[in-house]
C-alpha cells in the first residue's frame, strides 16, 4: 500500500461501529494525507481508522 502504486483517491477504508453496526467508508483523499507520507505505516499505526480486527470475532447476538 504505497502512493507510488495507488493515488490517494484509490485507497478506501471501511469502518464499522460496534455500538450501532453502521458502516462508514472514506478515501485517503478525504483524510488529507501528504503525498510523501508512508500510508502503510500510518494505517498499521491506526492513524486513519479502519484498523483491522486481528483477534477472535465477537459472537453475534441476534
N, C-alpha and C. Protein backbone atom coordinates (compact mmCIF):
# COMPACT_ATOMS: atom_id res chain seq x y z
N UNK A 1 0.86 -1.17 0.00
CA UNK A 1 0.00 0.00 0.00
C UNK A 1 0.91 1.24 0.00
N UNK A 2 1.28 1.68 -1.17
CA UNK A 2 2.14 2.85 -1.28
C UNK A 2 1.53 3.84 -2.25
N UNK A 3 1.94 5.08 -2.14
CA UNK A 3 1.43 6.11 -3.03
C UNK A 3 2.14 6.09 -4.38
N UNK A 4 3.14 5.22 -4.54
CA UNK A 4 3.73 5.05 -5.86
C UNK A 4 2.89 4.10 -6.70
N UNK A 5 2.12 3.24 -6.06
CA UNK A 5 1.24 2.30 -6.77
C UNK A 5 -0.18 2.82 -6.88
N UNK A 6 -0.65 3.52 -5.85
CA UNK A 6 -2.04 3.98 -5.79
C UNK A 6 -2.10 5.48 -5.56
N UNK A 7 -3.07 6.12 -6.19
CA UNK A 7 -3.36 7.52 -5.88
C UNK A 7 -4.16 7.56 -4.58
N UNK A 8 -4.18 8.71 -3.95
CA UNK A 8 -4.92 8.84 -2.68
C UNK A 8 -6.42 8.64 -2.85
N UNK A 9 -6.95 8.88 -4.03
CA UNK A 9 -8.38 8.66 -4.25
C UNK A 9 -8.70 7.20 -4.59
N UNK A 10 -7.68 6.35 -4.68
CA UNK A 10 -7.89 4.93 -4.97
C UNK A 10 -7.81 4.05 -3.73
N UNK A 11 -7.44 4.63 -2.60
CA UNK A 11 -7.34 3.86 -1.35
C UNK A 11 -8.54 4.22 -0.48
N UNK A 12 -9.34 3.21 -0.17
CA UNK A 12 -10.57 3.42 0.61
C UNK A 12 -10.52 2.60 1.89
N UNK A 13 -11.12 3.14 2.92
CA UNK A 13 -11.20 2.48 4.22
C UNK A 13 -12.67 2.27 4.59
N UNK A 14 -12.92 1.18 5.28
CA UNK A 14 -14.27 0.88 5.77
C UNK A 14 -14.16 0.63 7.27
N UNK A 15 -15.04 1.30 8.01
CA UNK A 15 -15.03 1.16 9.46
C UNK A 15 -16.46 0.92 9.93
N UNK A 16 -16.61 -0.08 10.77
CA UNK A 16 -17.95 -0.43 11.28
C UNK A 16 -18.02 -0.13 12.76
N UNK A 17 -19.06 0.56 13.17
CA UNK A 17 -19.26 0.90 14.57
C UNK A 17 -19.76 -0.32 15.32
N UNK A 18 -19.06 -0.74 16.38
CA UNK A 18 -19.53 -1.90 17.15
C UNK A 18 -20.81 -1.60 17.92
N UNK A 19 -21.05 -0.33 18.24
CA UNK A 19 -22.24 0.04 19.00
C UNK A 19 -23.50 0.04 18.15
N UNK A 20 -23.43 0.64 16.97
CA UNK A 20 -24.62 0.80 16.13
C UNK A 20 -24.66 -0.14 14.94
N UNK A 21 -23.50 -0.67 14.55
CA UNK A 21 -23.43 -1.51 13.36
C UNK A 21 -23.37 -0.71 12.07
N UNK A 22 -23.35 0.63 12.18
CA UNK A 22 -23.27 1.48 11.00
C UNK A 22 -21.89 1.38 10.36
N UNK A 23 -21.84 1.45 9.04
CA UNK A 23 -20.59 1.34 8.31
C UNK A 23 -20.25 2.70 7.70
N UNK A 24 -19.00 3.12 7.85
CA UNK A 24 -18.51 4.37 7.29
C UNK A 24 -17.42 4.04 6.29
N UNK A 25 -17.47 4.64 5.10
CA UNK A 25 -16.46 4.42 4.08
C UNK A 25 -15.88 5.78 3.68
N UNK A 26 -14.56 5.84 3.57
CA UNK A 26 -13.90 7.10 3.23
C UNK A 26 -12.57 6.80 2.55
N UNK A 27 -12.13 7.75 1.75
CA UNK A 27 -10.88 7.54 1.00
C UNK A 27 -9.72 8.24 1.69
N UNK A 28 -8.54 7.88 1.30
CA UNK A 28 -7.33 8.51 1.81
C UNK A 28 -7.32 9.99 1.43
N UNK A 29 -7.91 10.32 0.30
CA UNK A 29 -8.01 11.71 -0.13
C UNK A 29 -8.84 12.53 0.85
N UNK A 30 -9.90 11.94 1.40
CA UNK A 30 -10.76 12.62 2.37
C UNK A 30 -10.01 12.97 3.65
N UNK A 31 -9.02 12.17 4.00
CA UNK A 31 -8.27 12.36 5.24
C UNK A 31 -7.26 13.50 5.10
N UNK A 32 -6.78 13.74 3.92
CA UNK A 32 -5.81 14.81 3.69
C UNK A 32 -4.38 14.40 4.01
N UNK A 33 -3.97 13.26 3.51
CA UNK A 33 -2.62 12.72 3.75
C UNK A 33 -1.63 13.37 2.79
N UNK A 34 -0.45 13.69 3.28
CA UNK A 34 0.61 14.25 2.43
C UNK A 34 1.05 13.23 1.38
N UNK A 35 1.55 13.72 0.27
CA UNK A 35 1.99 12.85 -0.83
C UNK A 35 3.21 12.02 -0.47
N UNK A 36 4.04 12.51 0.46
CA UNK A 36 5.25 11.78 0.82
C UNK A 36 5.08 10.90 2.06
N UNK A 37 3.87 10.83 2.60
CA UNK A 37 3.63 10.05 3.82
C UNK A 37 3.60 8.55 3.52
N UNK A 38 4.14 7.75 4.42
CA UNK A 38 4.10 6.29 4.30
C UNK A 38 2.73 5.83 4.79
N UNK A 39 1.82 5.57 3.84
CA UNK A 39 0.44 5.25 4.23
C UNK A 39 0.31 3.87 4.86
N UNK A 40 1.15 2.94 4.47
CA UNK A 40 1.08 1.61 5.09
C UNK A 40 1.43 1.69 6.57
N UNK A 41 2.49 2.40 6.87
CA UNK A 41 2.91 2.58 8.27
C UNK A 41 1.84 3.33 9.07
N UNK A 42 1.27 4.37 8.47
CA UNK A 42 0.22 5.14 9.12
C UNK A 42 -1.03 4.31 9.37
N UNK A 43 -1.39 3.49 8.41
CA UNK A 43 -2.56 2.61 8.56
C UNK A 43 -2.36 1.62 9.70
N UNK A 44 -1.21 0.96 9.70
CA UNK A 44 -0.93 -0.02 10.75
C UNK A 44 -0.82 0.62 12.13
N UNK A 45 -0.44 1.91 12.18
CA UNK A 45 -0.37 2.63 13.45
C UNK A 45 -1.74 3.14 13.89
N UNK A 46 -2.76 3.00 13.03
CA UNK A 46 -4.12 3.41 13.39
C UNK A 46 -4.42 4.87 13.14
N UNK A 47 -3.61 5.56 12.35
CA UNK A 47 -3.81 7.00 12.10
C UNK A 47 -5.05 7.29 11.28
N UNK A 48 -5.49 6.36 10.47
CA UNK A 48 -6.60 6.62 9.54
C UNK A 48 -7.90 5.94 9.96
N UNK A 49 -7.90 5.25 11.08
CA UNK A 49 -9.07 4.48 11.46
C UNK A 49 -9.14 3.20 10.66
N UNK A 50 -10.25 2.52 10.72
CA UNK A 50 -10.47 1.29 9.96
C UNK A 50 -9.37 0.27 10.21
N UNK A 51 -8.90 0.18 11.45
CA UNK A 51 -7.84 -0.76 11.79
C UNK A 51 -8.42 -2.18 11.75
N UNK A 52 -7.72 -3.10 11.11
CA UNK A 52 -8.24 -4.47 11.02
C UNK A 52 -8.34 -5.12 12.39
N UNK A 53 -9.38 -5.92 12.56
CA UNK A 53 -9.57 -6.67 13.80
C UNK A 53 -8.78 -7.94 13.68
N UNK A 54 -7.79 -8.13 14.56
CA UNK A 54 -6.89 -9.27 14.44
C UNK A 54 -7.13 -10.35 15.49
N UNK A 55 -8.12 -10.16 16.34
CA UNK A 55 -8.42 -11.16 17.37
C UNK A 55 -9.57 -12.06 16.92
N UNK A 56 -10.15 -12.73 17.88
CA UNK A 56 -11.30 -13.57 17.57
C UNK A 56 -12.52 -12.72 17.27
N UNK A 57 -13.35 -13.18 16.35
CA UNK A 57 -14.57 -12.46 16.03
C UNK A 57 -15.55 -12.55 17.19
N UNK A 58 -16.20 -11.43 17.56
CA UNK A 58 -17.20 -11.49 18.63
C UNK A 58 -18.43 -12.25 18.17
N UNK A 59 -19.12 -12.86 19.09
CA UNK A 59 -20.35 -13.59 18.75
C UNK A 59 -21.44 -12.62 18.40
N UNK A 60 -22.26 -12.98 17.44
CA UNK A 60 -23.37 -12.15 17.01
C UNK A 60 -24.59 -12.52 17.83
N UNK A 61 -25.19 -11.56 18.48
CA UNK A 61 -26.39 -11.78 19.30
C UNK A 61 -27.61 -11.31 18.54
N UNK A 62 -28.18 -12.19 17.80
CA UNK A 62 -29.40 -11.77 17.14
C UNK A 62 -29.65 -12.39 15.90
